[in-house]
Amino acid sequence: MPRHGSPANSVKTRKGPVTEVGYGPLTCCAPEGTRTPRLRDGCFWAPRCAPLAQLIRGGHGGEVRLKLYMTMTMLATRAPHDIKNVPGRFWASALGLADPETNGARRIADGLNSLEAAKLIRLARHPGLPPTVTLLHPTGSGKAYSWRGKWWINIPVGFWTNGWICQLSAGAVALLFVTRDMRSDRKENQPHPWLSGFDRKRYGISDDTWTRARAELEGLGLLTVSRIPQGRDFDYRRMRNTYWLHVERLDDPVPTGV
């Protein structure tokens, strides 16, 4: 069933209406010095896992952190990438949290504190006013915010305006990012991407979360998973899953009856 609340019907930033939101070095990590298409600036293999995987840990707290961070990056698109005078109850309503005036606002405060501890945002607190939020680099380095790197992806603004952010679980949102990263700029008539075991580990999502999130995205028509054989004709053939995210469907409303 759809969750409580829904985001605003229109989204505007200091630059005016937006149609998509860019995300850079958030989704996965790679060994230092490795040169791969999905290498993220400043994000190393050990001891940290991908920032995206870190955000979703901790049950419902992880869900609030991830969705709050995504929404803030949608709004703070222009330097100095800050957000002022937004109360917790507004964030709670936008994310579809229950009891936005009380428990929802408290969950937002916890999420902000966690994002600050992860060095993804900086909070400037003012007596009697909501804190000013300034985005920091998505790798958690504490450096100035930038979503552009060697590789980055776009998420349609329909993810917010059509209520997908309220409908999807944290795991499904994370897998949506992963499969969007895998799809890159491929066209649907091109070979669909697949993951090796090594690549899958780089995203840092547990097997259980991956399985549940895959079923959720497939059930909503956002993801198609197919099986293809690997190997030459006379080799033992292994079957591998390919993943295709129908990212354009985020511009449509959430299906009714789910």
C-alpha atoms as a PDB file:
ATOM      1  CA  MET A   1       0.000   0.000   0.000  1.00  0.00           C
ATOM      2  CA  PRO A   2       1.191   3.573  -0.558  1.00  0.00           C
ATOM      3  CA  ARG A   3       2.807   5.157   2.458  1.00  0.00           C
ATOM      4  CA  HIS A   4       1.623   8.199   4.365  1.00  0.00           C
ATOM      5  CA  GLY A   5       1.794  11.560   2.633  1.00  0.00           C
ATOM      6  CA  SER A   6       3.330  12.571  -0.660  1.00  0.00           C
ATOM      7  CA  PRO A   7       5.882  15.093  -1.818  1.00  0.00           C
ATOM      8  CA  ALA A   8       4.953  18.365  -3.424  1.00  0.00           C
ATOM      9  CA  ASN A   9       3.437  18.263  -6.897  1.00  0.00           C
ATOM     10  CA  SER A  10       6.052  20.632  -8.273  1.00  0.00           C
ATOM     11  CA  VAL A  11       9.718  20.981  -7.450  1.00  0.00           C
ATOM     12  CA  LYS A  12      11.651  24.198  -7.800  1.00  0.00           C
ATOM     13  CA  THR A  13      15.161  25.210  -6.809  1.00  0.00           C
ATOM     14  CA  ARG A  14      17.093  28.443  -7.013  1.00  0.00           C
ATOM     15  CA  LYS A  15      17.603  27.667 -10.679  1.00  0.00           C
ATOM     16  CA  GLY A  16      13.896  27.068 -11.316  1.00  0.00           C
ATOM     17  CA  PRO A  17      12.058  23.814 -12.173  1.00  0.00           C
ATOM     18  CA  VAL A  18      14.182  20.679 -12.509  1.00  0.00           C
ATOM     19  CA  THR A  19      13.544  17.517 -14.495  1.00  0.00           C
ATOM     20  CA  GLU A  20      16.256  15.243 -13.116  1.00  0.00           C
ATOM     21  CA  VAL A  21      18.754  15.129 -10.277  1.00  0.00           C
ATOM     22  CA  GLY A  22      22.407  14.154 -10.625  1.00  0.00           C
ATOM     23  CA  TYR A  23      24.274  11.849  -8.252  1.00  0.00           C
ATOM     24  CA  GLY A  24      27.999  11.243  -8.377  1.00  0.00           C
ATOM     25  CA  PRO A  25      30.328   9.318  -6.036  1.00  0.00           C
ATOM     26  CA  LEU A  26      27.622   7.813  -3.836  1.00  0.00           C
ATOM     27  CA  THR A  27      26.702   4.424  -5.229  1.00  0.00           C
ATOM     28  CA  CYS A  28      29.749   2.174  -4.982  1.00  0.00           C
ATOM     29  CA  CYS A  29      33.414   2.002  -4.152  1.00  0.00           C
ATOM     30  CA  ALA A  30      36.493   0.388  -5.668  1.00  0.00           C
ATOM     31  CA  PRO A  31      40.060  -0.437  -4.672  1.00  0.00           C
ATOM     32  CA  GLU A  32      42.377   2.546  -4.555  1.00  0.00           C
ATOM     33  CA  GLY A  33      44.188   2.951  -7.841  1.00  0.00           C
ATOM     34  CA  THR A  34      41.731   0.772  -9.784  1.00  0.00           C
ATOM     35  CA  ARG A  35      40.655   2.252 -13.093  1.00  0.00           C
ATOM     36  CA  THR A  36      37.131   1.046 -13.842  1.00  0.00           C
ATOM     37  CA  PRO A  37      34.128   2.744 -15.451  1.00  0.00           C
ATOM     38  CA  ARG A  38      32.413   3.104 -12.085  1.00  0.00           C
ATOM     39  CA  LEU A  39      35.359   4.272  -9.971  1.00  0.00           C
ATOM     40  CA  ARG A  40      34.274   7.052  -7.605  1.00  0.00           C
ATOM     41  CA  ASP A  41      36.556   9.911  -6.622  1.00  0.00           C
ATOM     42  CA  GLY A  42      37.965   9.472  -3.137  1.00  0.00           C
ATOM     43  CA  CYS A  43      35.962   6.355  -2.275  1.00  0.00           C
ATOM     44  CA  PHE A  44      38.137   3.374  -1.438  1.00  0.00           C
ATOM     45  CA  TRP A  45      37.507  -0.338  -0.971  1.00  0.00           C
ATOM     46  CA  ALA A  46      38.577  -0.684   2.651  1.00  0.00           C
ATOM     47  CA  PRO A  47      37.743  -0.191   5.405  1.00  0.00           C
ATOM     48  CA  ARG A  48      34.646   1.724   4.300  1.00  0.00           C
ATOM     49  CA  CYS A  49      31.823   0.424   2.160  1.00  0.00           C
ATOM     50  CA  ALA A  50      29.902   2.457  -0.380  1.00  0.00           C
ATOM     51  CA  PRO A  51      28.237   5.566   1.098  1.00  0.00           C
ATOM     52  CA  LEU A  52      24.903   4.357  -0.276  1.00  0.00           C
ATOM     53  CA  ALA A  53      25.174   1.079   1.649  1.00  0.00           C
ATOM     54  CA  GLN A  54      26.122   2.959   4.807  1.00  0.00           C
ATOM     55  CA  LEU A  55      23.056   5.159   4.541  1.00  0.00           C
ATOM     56  CA  ILE A  56      20.520   2.322   4.443  1.00  0.00           C
ATOM     57  CA  ARG A  57      21.850   0.463   7.456  1.00  0.00           C
ATOM     58  CA  GLY A  58      19.796   0.592  10.629  1.00  0.00           C
ATOM     59  CA  GLY A  59      16.244  -0.318   9.628  1.00  0.00           C
ATOM     60  CA  HIS A  60      13.767   2.563   9.403  1.00  0.00           C
ATOM     61  CA  GLY A  61      16.487   4.985  10.500  1.00  0.00           C
ATOM     62  CA  GLY A  62      18.416   4.081   7.369  1.00  0.00           C
ATOM     63  CA  GLU A  63      15.341   4.706   5.238  1.00  0.00           C
ATOM     64  CA  VAL A  64      14.952   8.216   6.636  1.00  0.00           C
ATOM     65  CA  ARG A  65      18.656   8.997   6.150  1.00  0.00           C
ATOM     66  CA  LEU A  66      18.693   7.877   2.533  1.00  0.00           C
ATOM     67  CA  LYS A  67      15.472   9.578   1.474  1.00  0.00           C
ATOM     68  CA  LEU A  68      16.275  12.754   3.384  1.00  0.00           C
ATOM     69  CA  TYR A  69      19.704  12.967   1.783  1.00  0.00           C
ATOM     70  CA  MET A  70      18.281  12.356  -1.694  1.00  0.00           C
ATOM     71  CA  THR A  71      15.656  15.063  -1.232  1.00  0.00           C
ATOM     72  CA  MET A  72      18.168  17.585   0.072  1.00  0.00           C
ATOM     73  CA  THR A  73      20.409  16.995  -2.945  1.00  0.00           C
ATOM     74  CA  MET A  74      17.408  17.625  -5.178  1.00  0.00           C
ATOM     75  CA  LEU A  75      16.735  20.989  -3.538  1.00  0.00           C
ATOM     76  CA  ALA A  76      20.266  22.301  -2.980  1.00  0.00           C
ATOM     77  CA  THR A  77      21.377  22.190  -6.604  1.00  0.00           C
ATOM     78  CA  ARG A  78      23.366  25.406  -6.644  1.00  0.00           C
ATOM     79  CA  ALA A  79      26.352  26.632  -4.614  1.00  0.00           C
ATOM     80  CA  PRO A  80      26.635  26.957  -1.677  1.00  0.00           C
ATOM     81  CA  HIS A  81      24.335  23.893  -1.693  1.00  0.00           C
ATOM     82  CA  ASP A  82      22.523  24.857   1.490  1.00  0.00           C
ATOM     83  CA  ILE A  83      18.948  24.695   2.755  1.00  0.00           C
ATOM     84  CA  LYS A  84      17.621  27.188   5.299  1.00  0.00           C
ATOM     85  CA  ASN A  85      14.594  27.386   7.581  1.00  0.00           C
ATOM     86  CA  VAL A  86      13.024  24.026   6.732  1.00  0.00           C
ATOM     87  CA  PRO A  87      11.408  22.528   9.861  1.00  0.00           C
ATOM     88  CA  GLY A  88      11.501  18.829  10.623  1.00  0.00           C
ATOM     89  CA  ARG A  89       7.741  18.460  10.190  1.00  0.00           C
ATOM     90  CA  PHE A  90       8.073  19.620   6.560  1.00  0.00           C
ATOM     91  CA  TRP A  91      10.719  17.009   5.815  1.00  0.00           C
ATOM     92  CA  ALA A  92       8.626  14.376   7.582  1.00  0.00           C
ATOM     93  CA  SER A  93       5.542  15.222   5.514  1.00  0.00           C
ATOM     94  CA  ALA A  94       7.530  15.286   2.268  1.00  0.00           C
ATOM     95  CA  LEU A  95       8.909  11.804   2.979  1.00  0.00           C
ATOM     96  CA  GLY A  96       5.531  10.405   3.983  1.00  0.00           C
ATOM     97  CA  LEU A  97       6.456   9.735   7.624  1.00  0.00           C
ATOM     98  CA  ALA A  98       3.664   9.090  10.100  1.00  0.00           C
ATOM     99  CA  ASP A  99       2.983  11.748  12.758  1.00  0.00           C
ATOM    100  CA  PRO A 100       5.045  14.447  11.038  1.00  0.00           C
ATOM    101  CA  GLU A 101       4.513  16.998  13.824  1.00  0.00           C
ATOM    102  CA  THR A 102       5.966  14.753  16.527  1.00  0.00           C
ATOM    103  CA  ASN A 103       7.497  11.348  15.899  1.00  0.00           C
ATOM    104  CA  GLY A 104       8.167  12.106  12.238  1.00  0.00           C
ATOM    105  CA  ALA A 105      10.006  15.322  13.109  1.00  0.00           C
ATOM    106  CA  ARG A 106      12.058  13.440  15.710  1.00  0.00           C
ATOM    107  CA  ARG A 107      13.073  10.853  13.108  1.00  0.00           C
ATOM    108  CA  ILE A 108      14.142  13.682  10.802  1.00  0.00           C
ATOM    109  CA  ALA A 109      16.276  15.192  13.576  1.00  0.00           C
ATOM    110  CA  ASP A 110      17.915  11.802  14.136  1.00  0.00           C
ATOM    111  CA  GLY A 111      18.519  11.481  10.403  1.00  0.00           C
ATOM    112  CA  LEU A 112      20.131  14.918  10.192  1.00  0.00           C
ATOM    113  CA  ASN A 113      22.420  14.101  13.092  1.00  0.00           C
ATOM    114  CA  SER A 114      23.437  10.819  11.445  1.00  0.00           C
ATOM    115  CA  LEU A 115      24.153  12.519   8.116  1.00  0.00           C
ATOM    116  CA  GLU A 116      26.252  15.118   9.911  1.00  0.00           C
ATOM    117  CA  ALA A 117      28.188  12.383  11.732  1.00  0.00           C
ATOM    118  CA  ALA A 118      28.816  10.706   8.354  1.00  0.00           C
ATOM    119  CA  LYS A 119      30.197  14.023   7.019  1.00  0.00           C
ATOM    120  CA  LEU A 120      27.588  14.131   4.277  1.00  0.00           C
ATOM    121  CA  ILE A 121      26.129  17.404   5.550  1.00  0.00           C
ATOM    122  CA  ARG A 122      27.097  20.254   7.857  1.00  0.00           C
ATOM    123  CA  LEU A 123      24.534  21.676  10.281  1.00  0.00           C
ATOM    124  CA  ALA A 124      24.551  25.249  11.529  1.00  0.00           C
ATOM    125  CA  ARG A 125      22.170  25.459  14.467  1.00  0.00           C
ATOM    126  CA  HIS A 126      20.291  28.651  15.371  1.00  0.00           C
ATOM    127  CA  PRO A 127      18.239  29.196  18.568  1.00  0.00           C
ATOM    128  CA  GLY A 128      14.533  28.866  17.857  1.00  0.00           C
ATOM    129  CA  LEU A 129      15.037  28.085  14.170  1.00  0.00           C
ATOM    130  CA  PRO A 130      15.595  24.947  12.089  1.00  0.00           C
ATOM    131  CA  PRO A 131      19.271  24.251  11.356  1.00  0.00           C
ATOM    132  CA  THR A 132      20.845  25.394   8.116  1.00  0.00           C
ATOM    133  CA  VAL A 133      21.926  22.341   6.127  1.00  0.00           C
ATOM    134  CA  THR A 134      24.948  22.492   3.834  1.00  0.00           C
ATOM    135  CA  LEU A 135      25.711  19.503   1.649  1.00  0.00           C
ATOM    136  CA  LEU A 136      29.196  18.000   1.761  1.00  0.00           C
ATOM    137  CA  HIS A 137      30.924  15.676  -0.700  1.00  0.00           C
ATOM    138  CA  PRO A 138      29.003  12.360  -1.182  1.00  0.00           C
ATOM    139  CA  THR A 139      32.081  10.285  -0.320  1.00  0.00           C
ATOM    140  CA  GLY A 140      31.937  11.473   3.288  1.00  0.00           C
ATOM    141  CA  SER A 141      35.299  13.191   2.985  1.00  0.00           C
ATOM    142  CA  GLY A 142      33.967  16.404   4.504  1.00  0.00           C
ATOM    143  CA  LYS A 143      35.032  18.362   1.443  1.00  0.00           C
ATOM    144  CA  ALA A 144      32.859  20.778  -0.498  1.00  0.00           C
ATOM    145  CA  TYR A 145      29.848  19.251  -2.237  1.00  0.00           C
ATOM    146  CA  SER A 146      30.010  18.158  -5.853  1.00  0.00           C
ATOM    147  CA  TRP A 147      27.937  15.482  -7.536  1.00  0.00           C
ATOM    148  CA  ARG A 148      30.084  15.415 -10.654  1.00  0.00           C
ATOM    149  CA  GLY A 149      32.992  13.015 -10.882  1.00  0.00           C
ATOM    150  CA  LYS A 150      34.413  10.486 -13.310  1.00  0.00           C
ATOM    151  CA  TRP A 151      30.963   8.927 -13.378  1.00  0.00           C
ATOM    152  CA  TRP A 152      27.534  10.096 -12.341  1.00  0.00           C
ATOM    153  CA  ILE A 153      23.886   9.209 -12.853  1.00  0.00           C
ATOM    154  CA  ASN A 154      20.585  11.064 -13.107  1.00  0.00           C
ATOM    155  CA  ILE A 155      17.313  10.264 -11.358  1.00  0.00           C
ATOM    156  CA  PRO A 156      14.110  11.801 -12.847  1.00  0.00           C
ATOM    157  CA  VAL A 157      12.385  14.336 -10.629  1.00  0.00           C
ATOM    158  CA  GLY A 158       9.246  12.200 -11.047  1.00  0.00           C
ATOM    159  CA  PHE A 159      10.790  10.015  -8.335  1.00  0.00           C
ATOM    160  CA  TRP A 160       9.639  12.754  -5.948  1.00  0.00           C
ATOM    161  CA  THR A 161       6.660  14.363  -7.645  1.00  0.00           C
ATOM    162  CA  ASN A 162       4.940  11.062  -8.440  1.00  0.00           C
ATOM    163  CA  GLY A 163       5.353   9.660  -4.931  1.00  0.00           C
ATOM    164  CA  TRP A 164       7.901   6.912  -5.623  1.00  0.00           C
ATOM    165  CA  ILE A 165      10.066   8.163  -2.757  1.00  0.00           C
ATOM    166  CA  CYS A 166       7.196   7.467  -0.353  1.00  0.00           C
ATOM    167  CA  GLN A 167       6.305   4.106  -1.901  1.00  0.00           C
ATOM    168  CA  LEU A 168       9.703   2.424  -2.124  1.00  0.00           C
ATOM    169  CA  SER A 169      11.566   0.885   0.779  1.00  0.00           C
ATOM    170  CA  ALA A 170      15.130   1.944   1.529  1.00  0.00           C
ATOM    171  CA  GLY A 171      16.468  -1.276  -0.012  1.00  0.00           C
ATOM    172  CA  ALA A 172      14.459  -0.716  -3.191  1.00  0.00           C
ATOM    173  CA  VAL A 173      15.724   2.850  -3.470  1.00  0.00           C
ATOM    174  CA  ALA A 174      19.284   1.605  -3.044  1.00  0.00           C
ATOM    175  CA  LEU A 175      18.863  -1.057  -5.726  1.00  0.00           C
ATOM    176  CA  LEU A 176      17.249   1.545  -7.977  1.00  0.00           C
ATOM    177  CA  PHE A 177      20.477   3.556  -7.674  1.00  0.00           C
ATOM    178  CA  VAL A 178      22.598   0.490  -8.341  1.00  0.00           C
ATOM    179  CA  THR A 179      20.685  -0.606 -11.427  1.00  0.00           C
ATOM    180  CA  ARG A 180      20.598   2.981 -12.685  1.00  0.00           C
ATOM    181  CA  ASP A 181      24.381   3.007 -12.334  1.00  0.00           C
ATOM    182  CA  MET A 182      24.603  -0.329 -14.175  1.00  0.00           C
ATOM    183  CA  ARG A 183      22.376   0.886 -16.989  1.00  0.00           C
ATOM    184  CA  SER A 184      24.546   3.964 -17.546  1.00  0.00           C
ATOM    185  CA  ASP A 185      23.758   5.439 -20.980  1.00  0.00           C
ATOM    186  CA  ARG A 186      22.785   2.112 -22.571  1.00  0.00           C
ATOM    187  CA  LYS A 187      19.726   1.889 -24.795  1.00  0.00           C
ATOM    188  CA  GLU A 188      17.164  -0.861 -24.217  1.00  0.00           C
ATOM    189  CA  ASN A 189      18.002  -2.551 -27.543  1.00  0.00           C
ATOM    190  CA  GLN A 190      21.624  -2.965 -26.415  1.00  0.00           C
ATOM    191  CA  PRO A 191      22.860  -5.867 -24.253  1.00  0.00           C
ATOM    192  CA  HIS A 192      21.568  -5.484 -20.729  1.00  0.00           C
ATOM    193  CA  PRO A 193      24.173  -5.225 -17.944  1.00  0.00           C
ATOM    194  CA  TRP A 194      25.058  -8.006 -15.524  1.00  0.00           C
ATOM    195  CA  LEU A 195      27.170  -8.113 -12.365  1.00  0.00           C
ATOM    196  CA  SER A 196      30.103 -10.270 -11.412  1.00  0.00           C
ATOM    197  CA  GLY A 197      30.410 -11.272  -7.778  1.00  0.00           C
ATOM    198  CA  PHE A 198      33.199  -8.729  -7.351  1.00  0.00           C
ATOM    199  CA  ASP A 199      31.129  -5.898  -8.820  1.00  0.00           C
ATOM    200  CA  ARG A 200      28.163  -6.775  -6.648  1.00  0.00           C
ATOM    201  CA  LYS A 201      30.285  -6.584  -3.503  1.00  0.00           C
ATOM    202  CA  ARG A 202      31.441  -3.121  -4.493  1.00  0.00           C
ATOM    203  CA  TYR A 203      27.928  -1.811  -4.022  1.00  0.00           C
ATOM    204  CA  GLY A 204      27.873  -3.087  -0.437  1.00  0.00           C
ATOM    205  CA  ILE A 205      24.236  -4.268  -0.402  1.00  0.00           C
ATOM    206  CA  SER A 206      23.564  -7.513   1.463  1.00  0.00           C
ATOM    207  CA  ASP A 207      22.160 -10.540  -0.373  1.00  0.00           C
ATOM    208  CA  ASP A 208      18.942 -10.414   1.654  1.00  0.00           C
ATOM    209  CA  THR A 209      18.360  -6.728   0.907  1.00  0.00           C
ATOM    210  CA  TRP A 210      19.169  -7.305  -2.760  1.00  0.00           C
ATOM    211  CA  THR A 211      16.650 -10.157  -3.045  1.00  0.00           C
ATOM    212  CA  ARG A 212      13.812  -8.292  -1.341  1.00  0.00           C
ATOM    213  CA  ALA A 213      14.517  -5.063  -3.216  1.00  0.00           C
ATOM    214  CA  ARG A 214      14.641  -6.874  -6.545  1.00  0.00           C
ATOM    215  CA  ALA A 215      11.202  -8.407  -5.934  1.00  0.00           C
ATOM    216  CA  GLU A 216       9.820  -4.996  -4.952  1.00  0.00           C
ATOM    217  CA  LEU A 217      11.123  -3.214  -8.050  1.00  0.00           C
ATOM    218  CA  GLU A 218       9.990  -6.044 -10.334  1.00  0.00           C
ATOM    219  CA  GLY A 219       6.526  -5.996  -8.778  1.00  0.00           C
ATOM    220  CA  LEU A 220       6.205  -2.285  -9.519  1.00  0.00           C
ATOM    221  CA  GLY A 221       7.350  -2.687 -13.124  1.00  0.00           C
ATOM    222  CA  LEU A 222      10.545  -0.713 -12.607  1.00  0.00           C
ATOM    223  CA  LEU A 223      13.007  -3.587 -13.077  1.00  0.00           C
ATOM    224  CA  THR A 224      13.306  -6.478 -15.523  1.00  0.00           C
ATOM    225  CA  VAL A 225      15.648  -9.333 -14.608  1.00  0.00           C
ATOM    226  CA  SER A 226      16.507 -11.864 -17.308  1.00  0.00           C
ATOM    227  CA  ARG A 227      18.717 -14.965 -17.462  1.00  0.00           C
ATOM    228  CA  ILE A 228      21.399 -15.315 -20.113  1.00  0.00           C
ATOM    229  CA  PRO A 229      24.015 -18.049 -20.680  1.00  0.00           C
ATOM    230  CA  GLN A 230      27.698 -17.243 -20.295  1.00  0.00           C
ATOM    231  CA  GLY A 231      30.604 -18.976 -22.014  1.00  0.00           C
ATOM    232  CA  ARG A 232      31.428 -20.314 -25.467  1.00  0.00           C
ATOM    233  CA  ASP A 233      29.526 -23.067 -27.235  1.00  0.00           C
ATOM    234  CA  PHE A 234      31.687 -25.932 -25.967  1.00  0.00           C
ATOM    235  CA  ASP A 235      32.166 -24.556 -22.465  1.00  0.00           C
ATOM    236  CA  TYR A 236      30.055 -25.285 -19.454  1.00  0.00           C
ATOM    237  CA  ARG A 237      27.427 -22.615 -19.585  1.00  0.00           C
ATOM    238  CA  ARG A 238      26.560 -20.666 -16.487  1.00  0.00           C
ATOM    239  CA  MET A 239      23.419 -18.595 -16.330  1.00  0.00           C
ATOM    240  CA  ARG A 240      23.695 -14.992 -15.227  1.00  0.00           C
ATOM    241  CA  ASN A 241      21.112 -12.399 -14.361  1.00  0.00           C
ATOM    242  CA  THR A 242      20.876  -9.215 -16.391  1.00  0.00           C
ATOM    243  CA  TYR A 243      19.230  -6.139 -14.922  1.00  0.00           C
ATOM    244  CA  TRP A 244      17.338  -3.434 -16.770  1.00  0.00           C
ATOM    245  CA  LEU A 245      15.936  -0.469 -14.867  1.00  0.00           C
ATOM    246  CA  HIS A 246      12.995   1.208 -16.580  1.00  0.00           C
ATOM    247  CA  VAL A 247      14.020   4.583 -15.214  1.00  0.00           C
ATOM    248  CA  GLU A 248      11.596   6.425 -17.508  1.00  0.00           C
ATOM    249  CA  ARG A 249       8.688   4.876 -15.583  1.00  0.00           C
ATOM    250  CA  LEU A 250       9.543   7.069 -12.614  1.00  0.00           C
ATOM    251  CA  ASP A 251       7.882   9.842 -14.613  1.00  0.00           C
ATOM    252  CA  ASP A 252       4.588   7.924 -14.271  1.00  0.00           C
ATOM    253  CA  PRO A 253       2.467   7.735 -11.109  1.00  0.00           C
ATOM    254  CA  VAL A 254       2.904   4.814  -8.747  1.00  0.00           C
ATOM    255  CA  PRO A 255       0.593   1.986  -9.913  1.00  0.00           C
ATOM    256  CA  THR A 256      -2.659   1.793  -7.974  1.00  0.00           C
ATOM    257  CA  GLY A 257      -3.419  -1.203  -5.811  1.00  0.00           C
ATOM    258  CA  VAL A 258       0.197  -1.898  -4.757  1.00  0.00           C
END
